[in-house]
Amino acid sequence: MEKQTLPNSTLILVFGILSIVGCCCYGILGIIFAIIAIIMAKKATALYTENPEIYSGYQNVKTGKILAIIGLILSAISFIWSIYVLSTVGLDGYQQMIEDFSQGYSNAQ
């Protein structure tokens, strides 16, 4: 009997990677992708533990789940930091900080 790949094993891995990349978008996209990946990984793990001899691709699920957890932590930190900066400096101050940073970066080149 030929082994089947676990459903959504590649998608879990991709969502885990996107959760880490999504932490750069104020954390919101990363949180969304991480939660989806963790839920899908939980379902795939339950399916794999029922019949491990039937399915392959469990390594993708484990790697995707680890990446999603890391992405969730990074995204939560990024989201909390964004809220902190916006609450202390305000939107105008935040925009000024970004403008000052970009000007400093362009002057360095």
N, C-alpha and C. Protein backbone atom coordinates (compact mmCIF):
# COMPACT_ATOMS: atom_id res chain seq x y z
N MET A 1 0.84 -1.18 0.00
CA MET A 1 0.00 0.00 0.00
C MET A 1 0.88 1.25 0.00
N GLU A 2 0.60 2.14 -0.88
CA GLU A 2 1.38 3.37 -1.01
C GLU A 2 0.94 4.40 0.02
N LYS A 3 1.91 5.10 0.60
CA LYS A 3 1.59 6.10 1.61
C LYS A 3 1.03 7.35 0.96
N GLN A 4 0.05 7.92 1.61
CA GLN A 4 -0.54 9.19 1.18
C GLN A 4 0.11 10.32 1.96
N THR A 5 0.22 11.48 1.31
CA THR A 5 0.72 12.62 2.08
C THR A 5 -0.41 13.16 2.94
N LEU A 6 -0.04 13.66 4.07
CA LEU A 6 -1.04 14.24 4.97
C LEU A 6 -1.72 15.42 4.30
N PRO A 7 -3.02 15.53 4.45
CA PRO A 7 -3.71 16.68 3.86
C PRO A 7 -3.18 17.98 4.46
N ASN A 8 -2.92 18.93 3.61
CA ASN A 8 -2.48 20.29 3.98
C ASN A 8 -1.11 20.34 4.63
N SER A 9 -0.28 19.30 4.49
CA SER A 9 1.03 19.33 5.14
C SER A 9 1.91 20.43 4.54
N THR A 10 1.87 20.60 3.24
CA THR A 10 2.66 21.66 2.62
C THR A 10 2.08 23.03 2.95
N LEU A 11 0.77 23.13 3.01
CA LEU A 11 0.12 24.39 3.34
C LEU A 11 0.44 24.83 4.77
N ILE A 12 0.53 23.88 5.68
CA ILE A 12 0.90 24.19 7.06
C ILE A 12 2.31 24.77 7.10
N LEU A 13 3.21 24.18 6.34
CA LEU A 13 4.58 24.67 6.28
C LEU A 13 4.63 26.08 5.69
N VAL A 14 3.88 26.31 4.62
CA VAL A 14 3.84 27.64 4.00
C VAL A 14 3.25 28.67 4.95
N PHE A 15 2.17 28.33 5.64
CA PHE A 15 1.58 29.26 6.59
C PHE A 15 2.51 29.54 7.77
N GLY A 16 3.29 28.53 8.17
CA GLY A 16 4.28 28.75 9.22
C GLY A 16 5.34 29.75 8.79
N ILE A 17 5.79 29.63 7.56
CA ILE A 17 6.77 30.59 7.03
C ILE A 17 6.14 31.97 6.90
N LEU A 18 4.92 32.04 6.41
CA LEU A 18 4.23 33.33 6.25
C LEU A 18 3.96 33.99 7.59
N SER A 19 3.80 33.20 8.64
CA SER A 19 3.58 33.79 9.96
C SER A 19 4.82 34.53 10.44
N ILE A 20 5.99 34.02 10.10
CA ILE A 20 7.23 34.71 10.47
C ILE A 20 7.40 35.96 9.63
N VAL A 21 7.14 35.86 8.34
CA VAL A 21 7.25 37.03 7.46
C VAL A 21 6.18 38.07 7.82
N GLY A 22 5.01 37.61 8.23
CA GLY A 22 3.91 38.50 8.56
C GLY A 22 4.10 39.30 9.83
N CYS A 23 5.11 38.97 10.61
CA CYS A 23 5.35 39.76 11.82
C CYS A 23 5.84 41.16 11.46
N CYS A 24 6.31 41.35 10.24
CA CYS A 24 6.76 42.67 9.81
C CYS A 24 5.59 43.59 9.47
N CYS A 25 4.42 43.06 9.35
CA CYS A 25 3.22 43.86 9.02
C CYS A 25 2.46 44.18 10.29
N TYR A 26 3.13 44.78 11.24
CA TYR A 26 2.56 45.15 12.54
C TYR A 26 2.05 43.96 13.32
N GLY A 27 2.39 42.75 12.90
CA GLY A 27 2.05 41.55 13.63
C GLY A 27 0.70 40.94 13.31
N ILE A 28 -0.17 41.66 12.66
CA ILE A 28 -1.53 41.16 12.45
C ILE A 28 -1.56 39.99 11.48
N LEU A 29 -0.90 40.12 10.33
CA LEU A 29 -0.90 39.02 9.37
C LEU A 29 -0.20 37.79 9.93
N GLY A 30 0.87 38.01 10.67
CA GLY A 30 1.58 36.89 11.27
C GLY A 30 0.74 36.13 12.26
N ILE A 31 -0.02 36.85 13.05
CA ILE A 31 -0.90 36.20 14.03
C ILE A 31 -1.97 35.37 13.32
N ILE A 32 -2.54 35.91 12.27
CA ILE A 32 -3.58 35.20 11.53
C ILE A 32 -3.03 33.91 10.91
N PHE A 33 -1.90 34.03 10.20
CA PHE A 33 -1.31 32.83 9.57
C PHE A 33 -0.86 31.81 10.61
N ALA A 34 -0.33 32.27 11.73
CA ALA A 34 0.13 31.35 12.77
C ALA A 34 -1.03 30.56 13.38
N ILE A 35 -2.11 31.25 13.67
CA ILE A 35 -3.26 30.56 14.27
C ILE A 35 -3.84 29.53 13.31
N ILE A 36 -3.95 29.90 12.04
CA ILE A 36 -4.47 28.96 11.05
C ILE A 36 -3.54 27.75 10.94
N ALA A 37 -2.24 27.98 10.89
CA ALA A 37 -1.28 26.88 10.77
C ALA A 37 -1.32 25.96 11.98
N ILE A 38 -1.44 26.53 13.17
CA ILE A 38 -1.48 25.71 14.38
C ILE A 38 -2.74 24.86 14.43
N ILE A 39 -3.87 25.42 14.05
CA ILE A 39 -5.13 24.65 14.03
C ILE A 39 -5.06 23.52 13.00
N MET A 40 -4.53 23.85 11.81
CA MET A 40 -4.41 22.82 10.77
C MET A 40 -3.41 21.74 11.18
N ALA A 41 -2.34 22.13 11.86
CA ALA A 41 -1.35 21.15 12.32
C ALA A 41 -1.93 20.24 13.38
N LYS A 42 -2.79 20.78 14.23
CA LYS A 42 -3.42 19.95 15.26
C LYS A 42 -4.31 18.87 14.61
N LYS A 43 -5.06 19.26 13.58
CA LYS A 43 -5.91 18.29 12.88
C LYS A 43 -5.07 17.25 12.15
N ALA A 44 -3.99 17.70 11.50
CA ALA A 44 -3.13 16.76 10.77
C ALA A 44 -2.41 15.82 11.72
N THR A 45 -2.01 16.30 12.88
CA THR A 45 -1.35 15.45 13.87
C THR A 45 -2.31 14.39 14.40
N ALA A 46 -3.54 14.78 14.63
CA ALA A 46 -4.54 13.81 15.10
C ALA A 46 -4.78 12.74 14.03
N LEU A 47 -4.81 13.15 12.78
CA LEU A 47 -5.01 12.20 11.69
C LEU A 47 -3.81 11.26 11.57
N TYR A 48 -2.62 11.81 11.74
CA TYR A 48 -1.41 10.99 11.64
C TYR A 48 -1.29 10.01 12.79
N THR A 49 -1.65 10.40 14.00
CA THR A 49 -1.52 9.50 15.15
C THR A 49 -2.51 8.34 15.08
N GLU A 50 -3.61 8.52 14.37
CA GLU A 50 -4.57 7.42 14.21
C GLU A 50 -3.98 6.31 13.35
N ASN A 51 -3.36 6.69 12.22
CA ASN A 51 -2.80 5.72 11.28
C ASN A 51 -1.46 6.22 10.75
N PRO A 52 -0.39 6.09 11.51
CA PRO A 52 0.90 6.62 11.03
C PRO A 52 1.48 5.85 9.85
N GLU A 53 1.07 4.59 9.67
CA GLU A 53 1.61 3.81 8.56
C GLU A 53 1.00 4.19 7.21
N ILE A 54 -0.11 4.90 7.23
CA ILE A 54 -0.78 5.28 5.98
C ILE A 54 -0.24 6.59 5.42
N TYR A 55 0.17 7.51 6.29
CA TYR A 55 0.50 8.87 5.87
C TYR A 55 1.99 9.16 5.91
N SER A 56 2.40 10.01 5.00
CA SER A 56 3.76 10.56 5.01
C SER A 56 3.63 12.09 5.02
N GLY A 57 4.73 12.76 5.22
CA GLY A 57 4.69 14.22 5.24
C GLY A 57 4.50 14.82 6.62
N TYR A 58 4.68 13.99 7.64
CA TYR A 58 4.49 14.49 9.01
C TYR A 58 5.60 15.47 9.40
N GLN A 59 6.76 15.33 8.77
CA GLN A 59 7.87 16.25 9.05
C GLN A 59 7.50 17.68 8.66
N ASN A 60 6.79 17.84 7.55
CA ASN A 60 6.32 19.18 7.15
C ASN A 60 5.36 19.76 8.18
N VAL A 61 4.53 18.91 8.72
CA VAL A 61 3.56 19.37 9.72
C VAL A 61 4.28 19.83 10.98
N LYS A 62 5.25 19.03 11.44
CA LYS A 62 6.00 19.41 12.64
C LYS A 62 6.78 20.70 12.42
N THR A 63 7.45 20.81 11.28
CA THR A 63 8.23 22.01 10.99
C THR A 63 7.32 23.23 10.86
N GLY A 64 6.19 23.07 10.18
CA GLY A 64 5.25 24.17 10.04
C GLY A 64 4.67 24.62 11.37
N LYS A 65 4.43 23.66 12.27
CA LYS A 65 3.89 24.01 13.58
C LYS A 65 4.93 24.77 14.40
N ILE A 66 6.18 24.35 14.34
CA ILE A 66 7.24 25.06 15.06
C ILE A 66 7.41 26.47 14.51
N LEU A 67 7.41 26.59 13.18
CA LEU A 67 7.53 27.92 12.57
C LEU A 67 6.33 28.80 12.93
N ALA A 68 5.15 28.20 13.00
CA ALA A 68 3.96 28.97 13.35
C ALA A 68 4.03 29.46 14.80
N ILE A 69 4.55 28.65 15.69
CA ILE A 69 4.69 29.07 17.08
C ILE A 69 5.69 30.21 17.19
N ILE A 70 6.81 30.07 16.48
CA ILE A 70 7.80 31.16 16.47
C ILE A 70 7.20 32.41 15.85
N GLY A 71 6.47 32.25 14.74
CA GLY A 71 5.83 33.40 14.10
C GLY A 71 4.78 34.05 14.98
N LEU A 72 4.06 33.24 15.75
CA LEU A 72 3.05 33.78 16.66
C LEU A 72 3.71 34.62 17.76
N ILE A 73 4.81 34.13 18.28
CA ILE A 73 5.52 34.88 19.32
C ILE A 73 6.07 36.19 18.77
N LEU A 74 6.75 36.12 17.62
CA LEU A 74 7.30 37.33 17.01
C LEU A 74 6.20 38.32 16.62
N SER A 75 5.11 37.81 16.10
CA SER A 75 4.01 38.69 15.69
C SER A 75 3.33 39.32 16.90
N ALA A 76 3.20 38.57 17.98
CA ALA A 76 2.61 39.14 19.19
C ALA A 76 3.50 40.25 19.75
N ILE A 77 4.81 40.02 19.74
CA ILE A 77 5.73 41.06 20.19
C ILE A 77 5.64 42.29 19.31
N SER A 78 5.59 42.07 18.00
CA SER A 78 5.49 43.19 17.06
C SER A 78 4.18 43.94 17.24
N PHE A 79 3.10 43.22 17.45
CA PHE A 79 1.79 43.84 17.63
C PHE A 79 1.74 44.66 18.92
N ILE A 80 2.27 44.09 20.00
CA ILE A 80 2.29 44.80 21.28
C ILE A 80 3.18 46.03 21.19
N TRP A 81 4.32 45.90 20.51
CA TRP A 81 5.21 47.04 20.34
C TRP A 81 4.53 48.15 19.53
N SER A 82 3.81 47.78 18.48
CA SER A 82 3.11 48.78 17.67
C SER A 82 2.06 49.51 18.49
N ILE A 83 1.32 48.78 19.30
CA ILE A 83 0.31 49.41 20.15
C ILE A 83 0.97 50.33 21.17
N TYR A 84 2.08 49.88 21.75
CA TYR A 84 2.80 50.70 22.72
C TYR A 84 3.30 51.99 22.09
N VAL A 85 3.90 51.90 20.94
CA VAL A 85 4.44 53.10 20.28
C VAL A 85 3.31 54.04 19.89
N LEU A 86 2.24 53.50 19.35
CA LEU A 86 1.11 54.35 18.95
C LEU A 86 0.44 54.99 20.15
N SER A 87 0.41 54.31 21.28
CA SER A 87 -0.24 54.89 22.46
C SER A 87 0.63 55.92 23.15
N THR A 88 1.95 55.78 23.06
CA THR A 88 2.83 56.74 23.72
C THR A 88 3.18 57.93 22.85
N VAL A 89 3.45 57.70 21.58
CA VAL A 89 3.90 58.76 20.68
C VAL A 89 2.74 59.31 19.84
N GLY A 90 1.80 58.47 19.52
CA GLY A 90 0.70 58.87 18.66
C GLY A 90 1.03 58.61 17.20
N LEU A 91 0.04 58.77 16.36
CA LEU A 91 0.20 58.48 14.94
C LEU A 91 1.15 59.46 14.27
N ASP A 92 1.04 60.75 14.62
CA ASP A 92 1.93 61.74 14.02
C ASP A 92 3.38 61.50 14.42
N GLY A 93 3.62 61.20 15.67
CA GLY A 93 4.97 60.92 16.13
C GLY A 93 5.52 59.65 15.50
N TYR A 94 4.66 58.66 15.30
CA TYR A 94 5.08 57.41 14.68
C TYR A 94 5.48 57.65 13.23
N GLN A 95 4.68 58.44 12.52
CA GLN A 95 5.01 58.77 11.13
C GLN A 95 6.30 59.58 11.06
N GLN A 96 6.52 60.45 12.01
CA GLN A 96 7.75 61.23 12.05
C GLN A 96 8.96 60.34 12.31
N MET A 97 8.79 59.35 13.19
CA MET A 97 9.89 58.42 13.45
C MET A 97 10.25 57.64 12.19
N ILE A 98 9.26 57.19 11.45
CA ILE A 98 9.51 56.45 10.22
C ILE A 98 10.19 57.36 9.19
N GLU A 99 9.73 58.60 9.09
CA GLU A 99 10.32 59.55 8.15
C GLU A 99 11.78 59.83 8.52
N ASP A 100 12.07 60.05 9.79
CA ASP A 100 13.43 60.29 10.24
C ASP A 100 14.33 59.08 9.97
N PHE A 101 13.79 57.90 10.18
CA PHE A 101 14.55 56.68 9.94
C PHE A 101 14.87 56.53 8.46
N SER A 102 13.89 56.77 7.60
CA SER A 102 14.11 56.62 6.16
C SER A 102 15.08 57.66 5.63
N GLN A 103 15.03 58.89 6.19
CA GLN A 103 15.98 59.91 5.76
C GLN A 103 17.38 59.56 6.22
N GLY A 104 17.51 59.06 7.42
CA GLY A 104 18.82 58.64 7.90
C GLY A 104 19.38 57.50 7.11
N TYR A 105 18.52 56.60 6.67
CA TYR A 105 18.94 55.47 5.87
C TYR A 105 19.39 55.92 4.48
N SER A 106 18.65 56.86 3.88
CA SER A 106 19.02 57.34 2.53
C SER A 106 20.29 58.19 2.59
N ASN A 107 20.53 58.90 3.69
CA ASN A 107 21.75 59.69 3.83
C ASN A 107 22.97 58.80 4.03
N ALA A 108 22.78 57.63 4.60
CA ALA A 108 23.89 56.72 4.86
C ALA A 108 24.42 56.10 3.57
N GLN A 109 23.61 56.05 2.55
CA GLN A 109 24.03 55.44 1.30
C GLN A 109 24.72 56.44 0.49
